[in-house]
C-alpha cells in the first residue's frame, strides 16, 4: 500500500473516537445518576451505576481501538471485527453497518495494510 493509511481506516478510527466520547459522557451520566440516587434508591441506583461503569470501560476501549486502527495495529483490526460481529445484533441499522465494516476489514488490501495474511 506504499505506507499510506487507507481512507476507510481513518474514517473508522475517527468514528471510534466519536463513539468513545459518547461512551465516556453517557457512562459518566449513568454512574453519577446511580450514585446520587437519581433513578431510584438502593438496587436501581447501584444497577444504573454498574451499567454506567461498563459503558465507561467500553468508551475507553473505543479510544484504544481508534489508536490501534490509526497506527495499523493488527490487534485493533481484530477488536474492530469482534465489535462488528456484536453489532450484527443491532437489527436493522447496526446489522447493515456491521456488515459493511466486516466486508471492509476483510478486504485483501486492508488485511495487507495491517500486516495480516
Protein backbone atom coordinates (compact mmCIF):
# COMPACT_ATOMS: atom_id res chain seq x y z
CA UNK A 1 0.00 0.00 0.00
CA UNK A 2 3.06 2.22 -0.17
CA UNK A 3 2.95 3.21 3.51
CA UNK A 4 -0.29 5.16 3.09
CA UNK A 5 -3.09 4.74 5.57
CA UNK A 6 -6.31 3.56 3.89
CA UNK A 7 -9.02 6.23 3.97
CA UNK A 8 -11.59 3.78 5.33
CA UNK A 9 -9.34 3.04 8.31
CA UNK A 10 -9.03 6.76 9.04
CA UNK A 11 -12.82 7.03 8.94
CA UNK A 12 -13.21 4.02 11.26
CA UNK A 13 -10.65 5.44 13.69
CA UNK A 14 -12.47 8.79 13.81
CA UNK A 15 -15.80 7.02 14.33
CA UNK A 16 -14.30 5.03 17.21
CA UNK A 17 -13.10 8.30 18.80
CA UNK A 18 -16.60 9.76 18.48
CA UNK A 19 -18.12 6.57 19.91
CA UNK A 20 -15.59 6.69 22.77
CA UNK A 21 -16.55 10.29 23.58
CA UNK A 22 -20.23 9.35 23.68
CA UNK A 23 -19.42 6.30 25.81
CA UNK A 24 -17.48 8.36 28.33
CA UNK A 25 -20.16 11.03 28.52
CA UNK A 26 -23.10 8.66 28.74
CA UNK A 27 -21.28 6.34 31.15
CA UNK A 28 -20.40 9.26 33.42
CA UNK A 29 -24.03 10.39 33.43
CA UNK A 30 -25.22 6.90 34.35
CA UNK A 31 -22.63 6.50 37.11
CA UNK A 32 -23.37 9.91 38.60
CA UNK A 33 -27.13 9.34 38.34
CA UNK A 34 -26.81 5.97 40.02
CA UNK A 35 -24.53 7.28 42.74
CA UNK A 36 -26.85 10.17 43.58
CA UNK A 37 -29.97 8.02 43.52
CA UNK A 38 -31.43 9.95 40.59
CA UNK A 39 -33.04 6.84 39.08
CA UNK A 40 -34.10 5.40 42.39
CA UNK A 41 -32.77 4.25 45.66
CA UNK A 42 -30.96 1.07 46.54
CA UNK A 43 -30.64 -1.62 43.92
CA UNK A 44 -31.85 0.51 41.00
CA UNK A 45 -29.21 3.16 41.68
CA UNK A 46 -26.49 0.55 42.05
CA UNK A 47 -27.55 -1.16 38.84
CA UNK A 48 -27.50 2.16 37.00
CA UNK A 49 -24.03 2.97 38.32
CA UNK A 50 -22.80 -0.50 37.33
CA UNK A 51 -24.12 -0.16 33.80
CA UNK A 52 -22.51 3.27 33.63
CA UNK A 53 -19.16 1.80 34.66
CA UNK A 54 -19.42 -0.80 31.88
CA UNK A 55 -20.26 1.92 29.34
CA UNK A 56 -17.25 3.94 30.56
CA UNK A 57 -14.96 0.94 30.10
CA UNK A 58 -16.29 0.32 26.59
CA UNK A 59 -15.70 4.02 25.81
CA UNK A 60 -12.07 3.65 26.89
CA UNK A 61 -11.72 0.52 24.76
CA UNK A 62 -13.11 2.51 21.82
CA UNK A 63 -10.27 5.03 22.25
CA UNK A 64 -7.72 2.23 22.34
CA UNK A 65 -9.18 0.69 19.17
CA UNK A 66 -9.13 4.09 17.45
CA UNK A 67 -5.45 4.47 18.35
CA UNK A 68 -4.67 0.97 17.14
CA UNK A 69 -6.55 1.42 13.86
CA UNK A 70 -4.84 4.78 13.26
CA UNK A 71 -1.46 3.09 13.73
CA UNK A 72 -2.48 -0.02 11.75
CA UNK A 73 -2.04 -2.42 14.66
CA UNK A 74 -3.33 -5.93 13.88
CA UNK A 75 -4.89 -6.30 17.35
CA UNK A 76 -7.09 -3.25 16.69
CA UNK A 77 -8.40 -4.82 13.48
CA UNK A 78 -9.24 -7.96 15.48
CA UNK A 79 -11.10 -5.98 18.16
CA UNK A 80 -12.95 -3.97 15.49
CA UNK A 81 -14.01 -7.26 13.88
CA UNK A 82 -15.26 -8.54 17.26
CA UNK A 83 -17.22 -5.31 17.86
CA UNK A 84 -18.67 -5.52 14.32
CA UNK A 85 -19.77 -9.11 14.95
CA UNK A 86 -21.51 -7.99 18.15
CA UNK A 87 -23.01 -5.09 16.18
CA UNK A 88 -24.73 -7.57 13.88
CA UNK A 89 -27.31 -7.97 16.67
CA UNK A 90 -28.39 -4.32 16.27
CA UNK A 91 -31.02 -5.04 13.63
CA UNK A 92 -31.54 -3.42 11.17
CA UNK A 93 -29.18 -0.41 11.09
CA UNK A 94 -26.45 -1.92 13.27
CA UNK A 95 -26.54 -5.07 11.18
CA UNK A 96 -26.07 -3.16 7.93
CA UNK A 97 -23.25 -1.03 9.31
CA UNK A 98 -21.52 -4.07 10.83
CA UNK A 99 -21.73 -6.00 7.56
CA UNK A 100 -20.08 -3.07 5.75
CA UNK A 101 -17.33 -2.85 8.39
CA UNK A 102 -16.69 -6.60 8.27
CA UNK A 103 -16.60 -6.57 4.47
CA UNK A 104 -14.11 -3.70 4.54
CA UNK A 105 -11.84 -5.16 7.23
CA UNK A 106 -11.61 -8.47 5.34
CA UNK A 107 -10.63 -6.89 2.01
CA UNK A 108 -7.18 -8.21 0.97
CA UNK A 109 -5.61 -4.75 0.70
CA UNK A 110 -6.85 -3.81 4.19
CA UNK A 111 -5.54 -7.06 5.67
CA UNK A 112 -2.23 -6.30 3.96
CA UNK A 113 -2.14 -2.78 5.45
CA UNK A 114 -2.37 -4.36 8.90
CA UNK A 115 0.26 -6.95 8.03
CA UNK A 116 -2.23 -9.81 8.24
CA UNK A 117 -2.05 -12.74 5.82
